[in-house]
Every structure is written in structure tokens, then in C-alpha cells.
Protein backbone atom coordinates (compact mmCIF):
# COMPACT_ATOMS: atom_id res chain seq x y z
CA UNK A 1 -14.35 -21.19 -23.39
CA UNK A 2 -12.25 -18.89 -25.71
CA UNK A 3 -8.95 -18.83 -25.61
CA UNK A 4 -8.52 -15.52 -27.52
CA UNK A 5 -5.29 -13.62 -26.29
CA UNK A 6 -5.46 -10.52 -28.45
CA UNK A 7 -7.58 -7.58 -28.04
CA UNK A 8 -9.46 -6.56 -30.89
CA UNK A 9 -7.27 -3.90 -31.12
CA UNK A 10 -4.29 -5.76 -31.85
CA UNK A 11 -5.66 -7.74 -33.81
CA UNK A 12 -7.24 -5.71 -35.99
CA UNK A 13 -3.41 -3.92 -36.23
CA UNK A 14 -1.70 -7.25 -37.09
CA UNK A 15 -4.35 -8.30 -39.62
CA UNK A 16 -3.03 -4.96 -41.38
CA UNK A 17 0.02 -5.31 -41.52
CA UNK A 18 1.79 -9.53 -42.21
CA UNK A 19 5.32 -8.15 -41.93
CA UNK A 20 4.43 -6.59 -38.31
CA UNK A 21 2.47 -9.86 -37.69
CA UNK A 22 5.01 -12.21 -38.66
CA UNK A 23 7.68 -9.81 -36.27
CA UNK A 24 5.19 -9.74 -33.65
CA UNK A 25 4.85 -13.59 -33.68
CA UNK A 26 9.11 -14.50 -33.87
CA UNK A 27 9.21 -11.56 -31.08
CA UNK A 28 6.20 -13.56 -28.84
CA UNK A 29 7.36 -16.60 -29.55
CA UNK A 30 10.84 -16.41 -28.57
CA UNK A 31 10.10 -14.66 -25.51
CA UNK A 32 7.46 -17.25 -24.20
CA UNK A 33 10.33 -20.06 -24.92
CA UNK A 34 12.85 -18.52 -22.73
CA UNK A 35 10.13 -17.60 -19.69
CA UNK A 36 9.47 -21.24 -19.93
CA UNK A 37 13.04 -22.37 -20.02
CA UNK A 38 13.18 -20.20 -16.60
CA UNK A 39 10.44 -21.92 -15.65
CA UNK A 40 7.69 -19.41 -15.85
CA UNK A 41 4.81 -21.09 -17.23
CA UNK A 42 2.42 -18.51 -16.35
CA UNK A 43 4.31 -15.96 -17.27
CA UNK A 44 4.78 -17.15 -20.71
CA UNK A 45 0.88 -18.16 -21.70
CA UNK A 46 0.35 -14.81 -22.54
CA UNK A 47 3.24 -14.64 -24.55
CA UNK A 48 2.95 -18.08 -25.97
CA UNK A 49 -0.85 -17.35 -26.60
CA UNK A 50 -0.36 -14.49 -28.53
CA UNK A 51 1.96 -15.99 -31.00
CA UNK A 52 -0.64 -18.84 -31.11
CA UNK A 53 -3.34 -16.05 -32.24
CA UNK A 54 -1.05 -14.37 -34.64
CA UNK A 55 -0.09 -17.74 -35.61
CA UNK A 56 -3.48 -18.71 -36.69
CA UNK A 57 -4.50 -15.22 -38.11
CA UNK A 58 -1.39 -15.66 -40.86
CA UNK A 59 -2.23 -19.68 -41.14
CA UNK A 60 -6.05 -18.36 -42.37
CA UNK A 61 -3.91 -15.81 -45.20
CA UNK A 62 -1.17 -18.49 -45.56
CA UNK A 63 1.26 -15.93 -45.20
CA UNK A 64 4.26 -15.85 -45.93
CA UNK A 65 3.25 -19.66 -47.13
CA UNK A 66 0.90 -22.58 -46.12
CA UNK A 67 3.60 -24.53 -44.99
CA UNK A 68 5.69 -22.26 -42.39
CA UNK A 69 2.04 -20.53 -41.32
CA UNK A 70 0.86 -24.28 -40.32
CA UNK A 71 4.26 -25.39 -39.42
CA UNK A 72 4.44 -21.72 -36.79
CA UNK A 73 0.60 -22.35 -35.68
CA UNK A 74 1.30 -26.00 -34.77
CA UNK A 75 4.33 -25.05 -33.31
CA UNK A 76 2.82 -22.20 -31.40
CA UNK A 77 -0.14 -24.84 -29.99
CA UNK A 78 2.74 -27.49 -29.11
CA UNK A 79 4.28 -24.43 -26.94
CA UNK A 80 1.22 -23.34 -25.57
CA UNK A 81 -0.27 -26.82 -24.66
CA UNK A 82 3.39 -27.32 -22.68
CA UNK A 83 2.88 -24.55 -20.58
CA UNK A 84 -0.92 -25.58 -19.66
CA UNK A 85 0.47 -29.05 -19.13
CA UNK A 86 4.02 -27.83 -16.57
CA UNK A 87 0.66 -25.85 -14.81
CA UNK A 88 -1.55 -28.74 -14.69
CA UNK A 89 -4.10 -27.42 -16.26
CA UNK A 90 -5.64 -29.76 -18.48
CA UNK A 91 -8.79 -28.03 -18.96
CA UNK A 92 -7.42 -25.66 -21.28
CA UNK A 93 -4.58 -27.70 -22.66
CA UNK A 94 -7.32 -30.17 -24.03
CA UNK A 95 -9.76 -27.21 -25.37
CA UNK A 96 -6.42 -25.69 -27.18
CA UNK A 97 -5.49 -29.34 -28.10
CA UNK A 98 -8.91 -30.01 -29.85
CA UNK A 99 -8.69 -26.40 -31.12
CA UNK A 100 -5.79 -26.40 -33.02
CA UNK A 101 -6.52 -29.67 -34.18
CA UNK A 102 -10.02 -29.08 -35.86
CA UNK A 103 -7.93 -26.04 -37.74
CA UNK A 104 -5.27 -28.22 -39.14
CA UNK A 105 -8.09 -30.67 -40.33
CA UNK A 106 -9.73 -28.71 -42.32
CA UNK A 107 -6.87 -29.01 -44.37
CA UNK A 108 -6.73 -32.55 -44.70
CA UNK A 109 -9.37 -32.46 -47.89
CA UNK A 110 -7.22 -30.69 -49.80
CA UNK A 111 -4.35 -32.58 -51.33
CA UNK A 112 -1.49 -29.61 -51.55
CA UNK A 113 -1.92 -29.48 -48.30
CA UNK A 114 -2.87 -32.88 -46.26
CA UNK A 115 0.43 -34.34 -45.96
CA UNK A 116 1.55 -31.50 -44.38
CA UNK A 117 -1.62 -30.73 -41.75
CA UNK A 118 -1.74 -34.72 -41.01
CA UNK A 119 2.07 -33.77 -39.47
CA UNK A 120 1.34 -30.67 -38.31
CA UNK A 121 -1.71 -32.58 -36.31
CA UNK A 122 0.50 -35.59 -35.21
CA UNK A 123 3.22 -32.94 -33.42
CA UNK A 124 0.46 -32.51 -31.55
CA UNK A 125 0.03 -35.05 -30.30
CA UNK A 126 3.87 -35.76 -30.24
CA UNK A 127 3.82 -35.58 -26.21
CA UNK A 128 2.22 -39.67 -26.68
CA UNK A 129 -1.05 -38.29 -24.44
CA UNK A 130 -3.87 -39.45 -26.12
CA UNK A 131 -1.87 -40.13 -29.52
CA UNK A 132 -4.08 -41.01 -32.61
CA UNK A 133 -2.90 -44.07 -34.76
CA UNK A 134 0.39 -43.21 -36.59
CA UNK A 135 1.59 -43.98 -40.06
CA UNK A 136 5.16 -44.91 -37.97
CA UNK A 137 7.58 -42.91 -36.49
CA UNK A 138 7.91 -39.28 -35.16
CA UNK A 139 5.96 -36.49 -37.69
CA UNK A 140 7.33 -35.64 -40.73
CA UNK A 141 9.08 -32.37 -40.67
CA UNK A 142 9.27 -30.42 -43.92
CA UNK A 143 12.63 -28.83 -44.88
CA UNK A 144 10.73 -25.75 -46.57
CA UNK A 145 9.48 -24.52 -43.56
CA UNK A 146 12.94 -24.23 -41.99
CA UNK A 147 11.38 -24.82 -38.74
CA UNK A 148 11.12 -27.45 -36.69
CA UNK A 149 8.17 -28.50 -34.10
CA UNK A 150 8.97 -29.13 -30.73
């Protein structure tokens, strides 16, 4: 299963300009949120999916920083998973959970990134379904990211 939401042309267009990519992420995540609040989950998935794709690209580039890009990546994954959950699409939800967790798990070997990476992974499991063992309480949020995970 391949969960790519952006076509190759849009992907390259955004990779070529991180400022444009960040603005696209902000626009798409907000539009997806609004559609979900209205109960239009099926319509929200393309927006949230594109935001997730862009967040993955920005995470690879660590733009504008690792903290912000990792937080945005996990926030995008969590919102997209929530939309799939509302539609009852367990297959896509689980595929996304495993894929996003794997991307973040690659950072666990880096001492400077492992705390945030672990928190972002925990946030993906925050709904209580299939949650891994946790060191007490909910995921810590990193203030420097300026974002919270939902």
C-alpha cells in the first residue's frame, strides 16, 4: 500500500522551495482541520494527506528545524489517522501508524533527537489503541516547537 498524496510535479515544486512547502503545510493542515470539524472526513483526507507528505519532506530536510518538522510530521500523521478512524478505515490507519512511527524511530539513535522522536511516537498512540508502554503520563510537548499534538 502506498499512501502518497502529492503527485511528482507538486512534490518537486515544494521540495525546491521550503518556504512554499511550509506555507502549503499550514494551508492544508488548516483546511483538513476545518473539514474534520464539519464532519467531512472523506474530503479532509486529501488535504491532511498532502500536509503529511509535505511534513515528511520537511522532516527529511529538518526545515525549519528538527523540533518543528518532527512535531508537524507527527501532528499531520495523527490528524490523518483520526480522519481514517472516523471513516472506519482501519487498514489505512494502521498502515499510516506503522509508517509514521518507523520514520520517527529512525531518529531514536541520535541522542539530540531521541527525546522528541520518542514523544512524537507516543503522541501517535495517544488515542489509547495499541499504545506501547509509556514512562508515565501523556507525551511531553516541546515548548520550542510552538505546536501541540492533537
